[in-house]
Amino acid sequence: MSKDLPREPKSKVQLDADQIDRALAVMCLIAALVLAVALFVIVSGIASQRPLDAQRIVHDYSKDPKLGSVPELPVTDAFGRAIPPPPPAGRLLVAAGSCSECNPRSVRPSQIVGGDFSDVVFLVEVARPEEVPRGFAKLGNVYIVADVGRLYTNALNATWTPRFYLLGGRGQLVEIQIDPLIHPTWVRLSQNRDRTGDVR
């Protein structure tokens, strides 16, 4: 009965080839992990830059106020100034949200430069009327309403901010912003985001 012959030790060339194969396998695994992480970061970045896409999906347009209806608004602004009836040229109504810095698409009252309207009413979400910056009172025909509890914002179905509404001379709704990512053609905004008049 013959005995098994002892295996010949691998040559240096064979050892080097095995090490190269293992190294290549490890490098491929690392590259795959790096690619997966990079794709996750890219996708997460895109999602964070387009938060309104999700809001657009959940927005129920059937709850929007009807054109021709007259939204309920207070008779005075946050500083006690009387808000007059809408002028014949119309009025811009803006559901502006809770702050002017937390949303890159936000609009400051001083950016309103004109359009198919003579004055502007801004609904600003605050916990107390005293939180409205005092500098807003210097903006002339821009009236700031302290919307405590989102009373007026909810009635307008403003699930995204800013959302724009155009009122006629009787206070009736004439136009409503439909797309959260596109400002209506009847709104003209200054590109200058200067804080003039926007400080306490």
N, C-alpha and C. Protein backbone atom coordinates (compact mmCIF):
# COMPACT_ATOMS: atom_id res chain seq x y z
N MET A 1 0.86 -1.20 0.00
CA MET A 1 0.00 0.00 0.00
C MET A 1 0.88 1.23 0.00
N SER A 2 0.67 2.09 -1.04
CA SER A 2 1.56 3.25 -1.18
C SER A 2 1.09 4.38 -0.28
N LYS A 3 2.05 5.10 0.24
CA LYS A 3 1.74 6.27 1.06
C LYS A 3 1.55 7.49 0.17
N ASP A 4 0.64 8.43 0.67
CA ASP A 4 0.45 9.69 -0.08
C ASP A 4 1.76 10.46 -0.08
N LEU A 5 2.03 10.94 -1.27
CA LEU A 5 3.24 11.72 -1.40
C LEU A 5 3.03 13.08 -0.76
N PRO A 6 4.00 13.61 -0.07
CA PRO A 6 3.85 14.94 0.55
C PRO A 6 3.66 16.00 -0.53
N ARG A 7 2.74 16.96 -0.22
CA ARG A 7 2.48 18.05 -1.17
C ARG A 7 3.70 18.95 -1.27
N GLU A 8 3.92 19.36 -2.48
CA GLU A 8 5.04 20.29 -2.67
C GLU A 8 4.63 21.67 -2.18
N PRO A 9 5.49 22.34 -1.46
CA PRO A 9 5.16 23.71 -1.01
C PRO A 9 4.97 24.64 -2.21
N LYS A 10 4.01 25.60 -2.00
CA LYS A 10 3.76 26.55 -3.10
C LYS A 10 4.99 27.39 -3.35
N SER A 11 5.14 27.65 -4.61
CA SER A 11 6.27 28.49 -4.98
C SER A 11 5.99 29.93 -4.58
N LYS A 12 7.01 30.75 -4.57
CA LYS A 12 6.86 32.16 -4.22
C LYS A 12 5.92 32.86 -5.19
N VAL A 13 5.99 32.43 -6.45
CA VAL A 13 5.13 33.05 -7.47
C VAL A 13 3.67 32.76 -7.16
N GLN A 14 3.36 31.48 -6.73
CA GLN A 14 1.99 31.13 -6.40
C GLN A 14 1.50 31.90 -5.17
N LEU A 15 2.38 32.05 -4.16
CA LEU A 15 2.00 32.81 -2.97
C LEU A 15 1.70 34.26 -3.32
N ASP A 16 2.53 34.85 -4.14
CA ASP A 16 2.31 36.24 -4.55
C ASP A 16 0.99 36.38 -5.29
N ALA A 17 0.63 35.44 -6.14
CA ALA A 17 -0.62 35.49 -6.89
C ALA A 17 -1.82 35.41 -5.95
N ASP A 18 -1.74 34.50 -4.95
CA ASP A 18 -2.83 34.39 -3.99
C ASP A 18 -3.01 35.68 -3.19
N GLN A 19 -1.91 36.27 -2.79
CA GLN A 19 -1.98 37.52 -2.02
C GLN A 19 -2.59 38.64 -2.87
N ILE A 20 -2.23 38.67 -4.14
CA ILE A 20 -2.77 39.69 -5.05
C ILE A 20 -4.28 39.51 -5.21
N ASP A 21 -4.71 38.23 -5.34
CA ASP A 21 -6.15 37.97 -5.49
C ASP A 21 -6.92 38.42 -4.26
N ARG A 22 -6.37 38.11 -3.07
CA ARG A 22 -7.04 38.52 -1.84
C ARG A 22 -7.07 40.03 -1.71
N ALA A 23 -5.97 40.68 -2.07
CA ALA A 23 -5.91 42.14 -1.99
C ALA A 23 -6.92 42.79 -2.94
N LEU A 24 -7.03 42.20 -4.15
CA LEU A 24 -7.99 42.74 -5.11
C LEU A 24 -9.42 42.57 -4.60
N ALA A 25 -9.70 41.43 -3.98
CA ALA A 25 -11.04 41.20 -3.44
C ALA A 25 -11.37 42.20 -2.35
N VAL A 26 -10.40 42.47 -1.46
CA VAL A 26 -10.62 43.45 -0.39
C VAL A 26 -10.82 44.84 -0.97
N MET A 27 -10.02 45.20 -1.99
CA MET A 27 -10.15 46.52 -2.60
C MET A 27 -11.51 46.68 -3.27
N CYS A 28 -11.98 45.65 -3.92
CA CYS A 28 -13.30 45.70 -4.58
C CYS A 28 -14.41 45.89 -3.54
N LEU A 29 -14.26 45.19 -2.39
CA LEU A 29 -15.26 45.33 -1.33
C LEU A 29 -15.26 46.75 -0.78
N ILE A 30 -14.07 47.31 -0.55
CA ILE A 30 -13.97 48.68 -0.03
C ILE A 30 -14.56 49.67 -1.03
N ALA A 31 -14.25 49.48 -2.33
CA ALA A 31 -14.76 50.38 -3.36
C ALA A 31 -16.29 50.33 -3.41
N ALA A 32 -16.85 49.13 -3.26
CA ALA A 32 -18.30 48.99 -3.29
C ALA A 32 -18.93 49.71 -2.11
N LEU A 33 -18.29 49.60 -0.91
CA LEU A 33 -18.82 50.28 0.26
C LEU A 33 -18.75 51.79 0.11
N VAL A 34 -17.61 52.28 -0.43
CA VAL A 34 -17.46 53.72 -0.64
C VAL A 34 -18.51 54.24 -1.62
N LEU A 35 -18.75 53.48 -2.71
CA LEU A 35 -19.75 53.88 -3.70
C LEU A 35 -21.14 53.92 -3.08
N ALA A 36 -21.45 52.92 -2.25
CA ALA A 36 -22.77 52.88 -1.61
C ALA A 36 -22.96 54.08 -0.70
N VAL A 37 -21.93 54.43 0.09
CA VAL A 37 -22.01 55.58 0.98
C VAL A 37 -22.18 56.87 0.18
N ALA A 38 -21.40 56.99 -0.92
CA ALA A 38 -21.48 58.19 -1.75
C ALA A 38 -22.88 58.36 -2.35
N LEU A 39 -23.45 57.26 -2.84
CA LEU A 39 -24.81 57.33 -3.40
C LEU A 39 -25.82 57.73 -2.34
N PHE A 40 -25.66 57.20 -1.12
CA PHE A 40 -26.58 57.55 -0.03
C PHE A 40 -26.50 59.03 0.28
N VAL A 41 -25.27 59.57 0.33
CA VAL A 41 -25.09 61.00 0.63
C VAL A 41 -25.71 61.86 -0.46
N ILE A 42 -25.51 61.47 -1.72
CA ILE A 42 -26.05 62.25 -2.83
C ILE A 42 -27.57 62.25 -2.80
N VAL A 43 -28.15 61.07 -2.63
CA VAL A 43 -29.62 60.98 -2.60
C VAL A 43 -30.19 61.75 -1.41
N SER A 44 -29.53 61.64 -0.25
CA SER A 44 -30.00 62.37 0.92
C SER A 44 -29.92 63.87 0.70
N GLY A 45 -28.85 64.33 0.03
CA GLY A 45 -28.70 65.75 -0.25
C GLY A 45 -29.79 66.27 -1.17
N ILE A 46 -30.11 65.49 -2.21
CA ILE A 46 -31.17 65.89 -3.13
C ILE A 46 -32.50 65.96 -2.41
N ALA A 47 -32.77 64.97 -1.56
CA ALA A 47 -34.03 64.96 -0.83
C ALA A 47 -34.16 66.15 0.09
N SER A 48 -33.03 66.54 0.74
CA SER A 48 -33.09 67.66 1.66
C SER A 48 -33.27 68.97 0.93
N GLN A 49 -32.82 69.06 -0.34
CA GLN A 49 -32.96 70.29 -1.10
C GLN A 49 -34.34 70.42 -1.72
N ARG A 50 -35.11 69.35 -1.79
CA ARG A 50 -36.42 69.40 -2.43
C ARG A 50 -37.52 68.98 -1.46
N PRO A 51 -37.57 69.59 -0.27
CA PRO A 51 -38.58 69.16 0.69
C PRO A 51 -39.99 69.43 0.22
N LEU A 52 -40.18 70.40 -0.70
CA LEU A 52 -41.52 70.74 -1.13
C LEU A 52 -42.14 69.68 -2.02
N ASP A 53 -41.31 68.81 -2.61
CA ASP A 53 -41.87 67.74 -3.42
C ASP A 53 -42.80 66.88 -2.59
N ALA A 54 -42.35 66.55 -1.36
CA ALA A 54 -43.19 65.74 -0.48
C ALA A 54 -44.44 66.50 -0.08
N GLN A 55 -44.28 67.83 0.17
CA GLN A 55 -45.44 68.62 0.54
C GLN A 55 -46.44 68.67 -0.60
N ARG A 56 -45.93 68.72 -1.84
CA ARG A 56 -46.83 68.77 -2.97
C ARG A 56 -47.69 67.50 -3.03
N ILE A 57 -47.11 66.36 -2.68
CA ILE A 57 -47.82 65.10 -2.75
C ILE A 57 -48.96 65.06 -1.72
N VAL A 58 -48.72 65.59 -0.53
CA VAL A 58 -49.73 65.49 0.52
C VAL A 58 -50.71 66.65 0.49
N HIS A 59 -50.49 67.65 -0.34
CA HIS A 59 -51.39 68.81 -0.37
C HIS A 59 -52.73 68.40 -0.99
N ASP A 60 -53.81 68.73 -0.29
CA ASP A 60 -55.15 68.41 -0.77
C ASP A 60 -55.75 69.67 -1.39
N TYR A 61 -55.71 69.75 -2.71
CA TYR A 61 -56.20 70.94 -3.41
C TYR A 61 -57.71 71.12 -3.26
N SER A 62 -58.42 70.05 -2.92
CA SER A 62 -59.87 70.18 -2.75
C SER A 62 -60.21 71.05 -1.53
N LYS A 63 -59.23 71.24 -0.64
CA LYS A 63 -59.46 72.06 0.55
C LYS A 63 -59.06 73.52 0.33
N ASP A 64 -58.55 73.85 -0.85
CA ASP A 64 -58.21 75.24 -1.14
C ASP A 64 -59.49 76.09 -1.13
N PRO A 65 -59.39 77.34 -0.67
CA PRO A 65 -60.58 78.21 -0.74
C PRO A 65 -60.98 78.43 -2.19
N LYS A 66 -62.25 78.57 -2.43
CA LYS A 66 -62.77 78.71 -3.78
C LYS A 66 -62.49 80.12 -4.33
N LEU A 67 -62.18 80.18 -5.61
CA LEU A 67 -62.05 81.48 -6.25
C LEU A 67 -63.40 82.20 -6.15
N GLY A 68 -63.33 83.49 -5.84
CA GLY A 68 -64.54 84.27 -5.66
C GLY A 68 -64.96 84.39 -4.21
N SER A 69 -64.46 83.47 -3.35
CA SER A 69 -64.77 83.58 -1.93
C SER A 69 -63.91 84.67 -1.29
N VAL A 70 -64.34 85.17 -0.14
CA VAL A 70 -63.63 86.25 0.55
C VAL A 70 -62.99 85.69 1.82
N PRO A 71 -61.67 85.57 1.86
CA PRO A 71 -61.01 85.04 3.06
C PRO A 71 -61.23 85.96 4.26
N GLU A 72 -61.39 85.36 5.41
CA GLU A 72 -61.54 86.15 6.63
C GLU A 72 -60.17 86.63 7.10
N LEU A 73 -60.04 87.92 7.32
CA LEU A 73 -58.80 88.52 7.78
C LEU A 73 -59.12 89.51 8.89
N PRO A 74 -58.16 89.79 9.78
CA PRO A 74 -58.40 90.75 10.85
C PRO A 74 -58.51 92.17 10.30
N VAL A 75 -59.03 93.08 11.13
CA VAL A 75 -59.19 94.46 10.68
C VAL A 75 -57.98 95.32 11.05
N THR A 76 -57.08 94.78 11.90
CA THR A 76 -55.85 95.50 12.24
C THR A 76 -54.66 94.57 12.09
N ASP A 77 -53.49 95.15 11.87
CA ASP A 77 -52.28 94.34 11.74
C ASP A 77 -51.63 94.16 13.10
N ALA A 78 -50.44 93.58 13.12
CA ALA A 78 -49.76 93.26 14.39
C ALA A 78 -49.38 94.50 15.18
N PHE A 79 -49.39 95.67 14.54
CA PHE A 79 -48.97 96.90 15.20
C PHE A 79 -50.16 97.83 15.49
N GLY A 80 -51.37 97.29 15.32
CA GLY A 80 -52.56 98.08 15.62
C GLY A 80 -53.00 98.98 14.48
N ARG A 81 -52.31 98.91 13.35
CA ARG A 81 -52.73 99.72 12.20
C ARG A 81 -53.98 99.12 11.57
N ALA A 82 -54.93 99.95 11.19
CA ALA A 82 -56.13 99.46 10.53
C ALA A 82 -55.77 98.95 9.13
N ILE A 83 -56.27 97.77 8.80
CA ILE A 83 -56.08 97.23 7.44
C ILE A 83 -57.28 97.68 6.61
N PRO A 84 -57.08 98.56 5.66
CA PRO A 84 -58.21 99.09 4.89
C PRO A 84 -58.78 98.04 3.96
N PRO A 85 -59.96 98.29 3.40
CA PRO A 85 -60.49 97.38 2.38
C PRO A 85 -59.51 97.30 1.21
N PRO A 86 -59.51 96.19 0.49
CA PRO A 86 -58.59 96.07 -0.65
C PRO A 86 -58.81 97.18 -1.66
N PRO A 87 -57.75 97.76 -2.18
CA PRO A 87 -57.91 98.80 -3.20
C PRO A 87 -58.42 98.20 -4.51
N PRO A 88 -58.95 99.02 -5.42
CA PRO A 88 -59.47 98.50 -6.68
C PRO A 88 -58.43 97.70 -7.48
N ALA A 89 -57.15 98.07 -7.34
CA ALA A 89 -56.10 97.38 -8.10
C ALA A 89 -55.80 96.00 -7.55
N GLY A 90 -56.35 95.67 -6.39
CA GLY A 90 -56.12 94.35 -5.83
C GLY A 90 -55.14 94.34 -4.68
N ARG A 91 -55.04 93.18 -4.05
CA ARG A 91 -54.17 93.02 -2.88
C ARG A 91 -53.48 91.66 -2.95
N LEU A 92 -52.21 91.65 -2.59
CA LEU A 92 -51.48 90.39 -2.50
C LEU A 92 -51.55 89.89 -1.07
N LEU A 93 -51.96 88.64 -0.91
CA LEU A 93 -52.01 88.00 0.40
C LEU A 93 -50.96 86.90 0.43
N VAL A 94 -50.08 86.93 1.44
CA VAL A 94 -48.97 85.98 1.52
C VAL A 94 -49.04 85.22 2.82
N ALA A 95 -49.18 83.89 2.74
CA ALA A 95 -49.01 83.04 3.91
C ALA A 95 -47.50 82.79 4.03
N ALA A 96 -46.85 83.55 4.90
CA ALA A 96 -45.38 83.63 4.88
C ALA A 96 -44.69 82.58 5.73
N GLY A 97 -45.40 81.88 6.60
CA GLY A 97 -44.73 80.89 7.44
C GLY A 97 -44.30 81.48 8.76
N SER A 98 -43.46 80.72 9.47
CA SER A 98 -43.12 81.08 10.84
C SER A 98 -41.86 81.92 10.97
N CYS A 99 -40.99 81.91 9.97
CA CYS A 99 -39.77 82.71 10.06
C CYS A 99 -39.26 82.97 8.67
N SER A 100 -38.32 83.89 8.55
CA SER A 100 -37.79 84.25 7.23
C SER A 100 -36.43 83.64 6.95
N GLU A 101 -35.91 82.84 7.89
CA GLU A 101 -34.57 82.30 7.70
C GLU A 101 -34.55 80.77 7.56
N CYS A 102 -35.58 80.08 8.07
CA CYS A 102 -35.51 78.62 8.12
C CYS A 102 -35.82 77.97 6.79
N ASN A 103 -36.38 78.71 5.84
CA ASN A 103 -36.75 78.15 4.55
C ASN A 103 -36.03 78.91 3.45
N PRO A 104 -35.20 78.23 2.64
CA PRO A 104 -34.45 78.94 1.60
C PRO A 104 -35.35 79.57 0.55
N ARG A 105 -36.62 79.16 0.48
CA ARG A 105 -37.54 79.73 -0.48
C ARG A 105 -38.40 80.83 0.14
N SER A 106 -38.11 81.20 1.40
CA SER A 106 -38.94 82.17 2.09
C SER A 106 -38.82 83.55 1.44
N VAL A 107 -39.80 84.38 1.70
CA VAL A 107 -39.86 85.73 1.13
C VAL A 107 -39.94 86.74 2.26
N ARG A 108 -39.10 87.76 2.20
CA ARG A 108 -39.15 88.82 3.20
C ARG A 108 -40.14 89.88 2.73
N PRO A 109 -40.85 90.53 3.63
CA PRO A 109 -41.80 91.57 3.23
C PRO A 109 -41.18 92.66 2.36
N SER A 110 -39.93 93.01 2.61
CA SER A 110 -39.29 94.08 1.84
C SER A 110 -38.96 93.67 0.41
N GLN A 111 -39.15 92.38 0.06
CA GLN A 111 -38.88 91.94 -1.31
C GLN A 111 -40.04 92.19 -2.26
N ILE A 112 -41.23 92.48 -1.73
CA ILE A 112 -42.38 92.72 -2.58
C ILE A 112 -42.20 94.06 -3.28
N VAL A 113 -42.12 94.04 -4.59
CA VAL A 113 -41.82 95.28 -5.33
C VAL A 113 -42.95 95.72 -6.24
N GLY A 114 -44.03 95.01 -6.32
CA GLY A 114 -45.12 95.44 -7.18
C GLY A 114 -45.75 94.27 -7.89
N GLY A 115 -46.77 94.57 -8.66
CA GLY A 115 -47.50 93.54 -9.38
C GLY A 115 -48.92 94.01 -9.61
N ASP A 116 -49.83 93.09 -9.78
CA ASP A 116 -51.22 93.44 -10.03
C ASP A 116 -51.96 93.66 -8.71
N PHE A 117 -51.41 94.53 -7.88
CA PHE A 117 -51.99 94.80 -6.57
C PHE A 117 -51.38 96.09 -6.05
N SER A 118 -52.05 96.71 -5.08
CA SER A 118 -51.57 97.98 -4.52
C SER A 118 -51.00 97.84 -3.13
N ASP A 119 -51.43 96.84 -2.39
CA ASP A 119 -50.84 96.63 -1.08
C ASP A 119 -50.74 95.13 -0.80
N VAL A 120 -50.11 94.81 0.33
CA VAL A 120 -49.77 93.43 0.65
C VAL A 120 -50.17 93.14 2.10
N VAL A 121 -50.73 91.95 2.33
CA VAL A 121 -50.98 91.47 3.69
C VAL A 121 -50.14 90.21 3.88
N PHE A 122 -49.28 90.23 4.89
CA PHE A 122 -48.40 89.10 5.22
C PHE A 122 -48.95 88.40 6.45
N LEU A 123 -49.17 87.10 6.35
CA LEU A 123 -49.55 86.30 7.51
C LEU A 123 -48.29 85.65 8.07
N VAL A 124 -47.89 86.03 9.27
CA VAL A 124 -46.67 85.52 9.89
C VAL A 124 -47.06 84.67 11.09
N GLU A 125 -46.64 83.40 11.09
CA GLU A 125 -46.98 82.48 12.18
C GLU A 125 -46.09 82.76 13.39
N VAL A 126 -46.71 83.12 14.49
CA VAL A 126 -45.98 83.40 15.73
C VAL A 126 -46.77 82.82 16.90
N ALA A 127 -46.08 82.64 18.02
CA ALA A 127 -46.75 82.18 19.23
C ALA A 127 -47.45 83.34 19.93
N ARG A 128 -46.86 84.56 19.82
CA ARG A 128 -47.44 85.76 20.43
C ARG A 128 -47.26 86.92 19.45
N PRO A 129 -48.20 87.84 19.39
CA PRO A 129 -48.06 88.99 18.47
C PRO A 129 -46.78 89.78 18.69
N GLU A 130 -46.27 89.78 19.94
CA GLU A 130 -45.07 90.56 20.24
C GLU A 130 -43.83 90.04 19.51
N GLU A 131 -43.91 88.81 18.95
CA GLU A 131 -42.75 88.24 18.26
C GLU A 131 -42.54 88.82 16.86
N VAL A 132 -43.51 89.56 16.35
CA VAL A 132 -43.36 90.15 15.02
C VAL A 132 -42.33 91.28 15.10
N PRO A 133 -41.28 91.26 14.26
CA PRO A 133 -40.27 92.31 14.31
C PRO A 133 -40.87 93.71 14.14
N ARG A 134 -40.48 94.65 14.99
CA ARG A 134 -41.04 95.99 14.95
C ARG A 134 -40.71 96.70 13.64
N GLY A 135 -39.60 96.32 13.02
CA GLY A 135 -39.20 96.98 11.79
C GLY A 135 -40.19 96.79 10.66
N PHE A 136 -41.01 95.76 10.73
CA PHE A 136 -42.00 95.52 9.69
C PHE A 136 -43.01 96.66 9.59
N ALA A 137 -43.19 97.40 10.68
CA ALA A 137 -44.17 98.49 10.69
C ALA A 137 -43.75 99.63 9.77
N LYS A 138 -42.51 99.63 9.32
CA LYS A 138 -42.00 100.73 8.49
C LYS A 138 -42.19 100.48 7.00
N LEU A 139 -42.86 99.40 6.64
CA LEU A 139 -42.91 99.02 5.24
C LEU A 139 -44.11 99.60 4.49
N GLY A 140 -44.75 100.61 5.06
CA GLY A 140 -45.78 101.34 4.33
C GLY A 140 -47.02 100.51 4.04
N ASN A 141 -47.21 100.14 2.77
CA ASN A 141 -48.43 99.45 2.37
C ASN A 141 -48.34 97.93 2.55
N VAL A 142 -47.41 97.48 3.39
CA VAL A 142 -47.32 96.06 3.73
C VAL A 142 -47.85 95.89 5.16
N TYR A 143 -48.91 95.12 5.30
CA TYR A 143 -49.54 94.91 6.60
C TYR A 143 -49.20 93.51 7.11
N ILE A 144 -48.64 93.45 8.31
CA ILE A 144 -48.20 92.18 8.90
C ILE A 144 -49.25 91.71 9.90
N VAL A 145 -49.77 90.51 9.67
CA VAL A 145 -50.75 89.92 10.57
C VAL A 145 -50.07 88.83 11.39
N ALA A 146 -50.16 88.92 12.72
CA ALA A 146 -49.64 87.88 13.61
C ALA A 146 -50.63 86.72 13.61
N ASP A 147 -50.28 85.66 12.91
CA ASP A 147 -51.20 84.52 12.78
C ASP A 147 -50.93 83.51 13.89
N VAL A 148 -51.45 83.80 15.08
CA VAL A 148 -51.26 82.93 16.23
C VAL A 148 -52.10 81.67 16.03
N GLY A 149 -51.44 80.51 16.15
CA GLY A 149 -52.15 79.25 15.98
C GLY A 149 -52.49 78.91 14.55
N ARG A 150 -51.92 79.61 13.59
CA ARG A 150 -52.16 79.35 12.15
C ARG A 150 -53.64 79.44 11.79
N LEU A 151 -54.37 80.30 12.46
CA LEU A 151 -55.81 80.42 12.22
C LEU A 151 -56.09 80.77 10.76
N TYR A 152 -55.44 81.81 10.26
CA TYR A 152 -55.70 82.26 8.89
C TYR A 152 -54.96 81.39 7.87
N THR A 153 -53.76 80.96 8.23
CA THR A 153 -52.98 80.12 7.33
C THR A 153 -53.69 78.80 7.05
N ASN A 154 -54.25 78.19 8.09
CA ASN A 154 -54.98 76.94 7.90
C ASN A 154 -56.25 77.15 7.07
N ALA A 155 -56.92 78.26 7.29
CA ALA A 155 -58.14 78.54 6.52
C ALA A 155 -57.83 78.69 5.03
N LEU A 156 -56.62 79.12 4.72
CA LEU A 156 -56.20 79.27 3.32
C LEU A 156 -55.60 77.99 2.76
N ASN A 157 -55.52 76.94 3.59
CA ASN A 157 -54.95 75.65 3.18
C ASN A 157 -53.51 75.82 2.69
N ALA A 158 -52.74 76.63 3.39
CA ALA A 158 -51.35 76.86 3.02
C ALA A 158 -50.47 75.78 3.65
N THR A 159 -50.41 74.63 3.00
CA THR A 159 -49.57 73.54 3.53
C THR A 159 -48.10 73.75 3.20
N TRP A 160 -47.79 74.70 2.32
CA TRP A 160 -46.40 75.11 2.12
C TRP A 160 -46.35 76.64 2.26
N THR A 161 -45.18 77.15 2.62
CA THR A 161 -45.00 78.59 2.73
C THR A 161 -43.69 78.98 2.05
N PRO A 162 -43.60 80.14 1.44
CA PRO A 162 -44.71 81.07 1.28
C PRO A 162 -45.70 80.57 0.22
N ARG A 163 -46.98 80.87 0.43
CA ARG A 163 -48.00 80.63 -0.59
C ARG A 163 -48.70 81.95 -0.87
N PHE A 164 -48.93 82.22 -2.15
CA PHE A 164 -49.43 83.52 -2.58
C PHE A 164 -50.89 83.44 -3.04
N TYR A 165 -51.64 84.50 -2.70
CA TYR A 165 -53.04 84.62 -3.09
C TYR A 165 -53.27 86.04 -3.59
N LEU A 166 -54.03 86.19 -4.65
CA LEU A 166 -54.34 87.51 -5.19
C LEU A 166 -55.81 87.81 -4.92
N LEU A 167 -56.05 88.94 -4.25
CA LEU A 167 -57.41 89.36 -3.92
C LEU A 167 -57.84 90.49 -4.83
N GLY A 168 -59.11 90.50 -5.19
CA GLY A 168 -59.68 91.58 -5.99
C GLY A 168 -60.10 92.75 -5.13
N GLY A 169 -60.72 93.73 -5.76
CA GLY A 169 -61.10 94.95 -5.06
C GLY A 169 -62.16 94.76 -4.00
N ARG A 170 -62.92 93.66 -4.04
CA ARG A 170 -63.92 93.36 -3.01
C ARG A 170 -63.38 92.39 -1.96
N GLY A 171 -62.09 92.07 -2.06
CA GLY A 171 -61.49 91.12 -1.13
C GLY A 171 -61.64 89.68 -1.55
N GLN A 172 -62.22 89.46 -2.74
CA GLN A 172 -62.45 88.09 -3.20
C GLN A 172 -61.18 87.49 -3.80
N LEU A 173 -61.06 86.17 -3.68
CA LEU A 173 -59.91 85.47 -4.25
C LEU A 173 -60.01 85.48 -5.77
N VAL A 174 -58.93 85.96 -6.39
CA VAL A 174 -58.88 86.00 -7.86
C VAL A 174 -57.91 84.95 -8.39
N GLU A 175 -56.79 84.77 -7.70
CA GLU A 175 -55.77 83.79 -8.11
C GLU A 175 -55.20 83.13 -6.86
N ILE A 176 -54.78 81.86 -7.01
CA ILE A 176 -54.11 81.14 -5.93
C ILE A 176 -52.88 80.45 -6.51
N GLN A 177 -51.76 80.51 -5.78
CA GLN A 177 -50.56 79.79 -6.22
C GLN A 177 -50.84 78.29 -6.21
N ILE A 178 -50.51 77.62 -7.32
CA ILE A 178 -50.78 76.19 -7.47
C ILE A 178 -49.55 75.34 -7.20
N ASP A 179 -48.39 75.79 -7.68
CA ASP A 179 -47.16 74.99 -7.58
C ASP A 179 -46.25 75.58 -6.51
N PRO A 180 -45.89 74.81 -5.47
CA PRO A 180 -45.04 75.35 -4.41
C PRO A 180 -43.63 75.71 -4.86
N LEU A 181 -43.19 75.17 -5.99
CA LEU A 181 -41.83 75.43 -6.46
C LEU A 181 -41.74 76.58 -7.44
N ILE A 182 -42.88 77.15 -7.83
CA ILE A 182 -42.89 78.21 -8.84
C ILE A 182 -43.70 79.38 -8.32
N HIS A 183 -43.08 80.57 -8.28
CA HIS A 183 -43.82 81.77 -7.91
C HIS A 183 -44.75 82.15 -9.06
N PRO A 184 -45.97 82.56 -8.76
CA PRO A 184 -46.90 82.95 -9.83
C PRO A 184 -46.38 84.12 -10.63
N THR A 185 -46.84 84.24 -11.87
CA THR A 185 -46.41 85.34 -12.74
C THR A 185 -46.91 86.68 -12.22
N TRP A 186 -47.96 86.68 -11.40
CA TRP A 186 -48.51 87.94 -10.89
C TRP A 186 -47.82 88.39 -9.61
N VAL A 187 -46.73 87.74 -9.23
CA VAL A 187 -45.93 88.16 -8.08
C VAL A 187 -44.55 88.56 -8.57
N ARG A 188 -44.14 89.78 -8.26
CA ARG A 188 -42.80 90.23 -8.62
C ARG A 188 -42.02 90.48 -7.33
N LEU A 189 -40.86 89.83 -7.22
CA LEU A 189 -40.06 89.92 -6.02
C LEU A 189 -38.70 90.50 -6.34
N SER A 190 -38.22 91.34 -5.44
CA SER A 190 -36.85 91.83 -5.55
C SER A 190 -35.89 90.71 -5.19
N GLN A 191 -34.79 90.61 -5.91
CA GLN A 191 -33.77 89.61 -5.58
C GLN A 191 -32.91 90.04 -4.41
N ASN A 192 -33.05 91.31 -4.00
CA ASN A 192 -32.28 91.82 -2.88
C ASN A 192 -32.93 91.40 -1.58
N ARG A 193 -32.27 90.53 -0.81
CA ARG A 193 -32.80 90.06 0.46
C ARG A 193 -32.27 90.91 1.62
N ASP A 194 -32.17 92.23 1.35
CA ASP A 194 -31.73 93.17 2.37
C ASP A 194 -32.68 93.13 3.57
N ARG A 195 -32.14 93.33 4.76
CA ARG A 195 -32.98 93.29 5.96
C ARG A 195 -33.54 94.66 6.30
N THR A 196 -33.47 95.63 5.42
CA THR A 196 -34.01 96.94 5.70
C THR A 196 -35.46 96.84 6.14
N GLY A 197 -35.76 97.37 7.30
CA GLY A 197 -37.13 97.32 7.79
C GLY A 197 -37.54 95.97 8.34
N ASP A 198 -36.62 95.00 8.35
CA ASP A 198 -36.98 93.66 8.80
C ASP A 198 -36.37 93.32 10.15
N VAL A 199 -35.96 94.33 10.92
CA VAL A 199 -35.34 94.05 12.21
C VAL A 199 -36.21 94.65 13.30
N ARG A 200 -35.97 94.15 14.51
CA ARG A 200 -36.77 94.65 15.63
C ARG A 200 -36.40 96.08 15.95
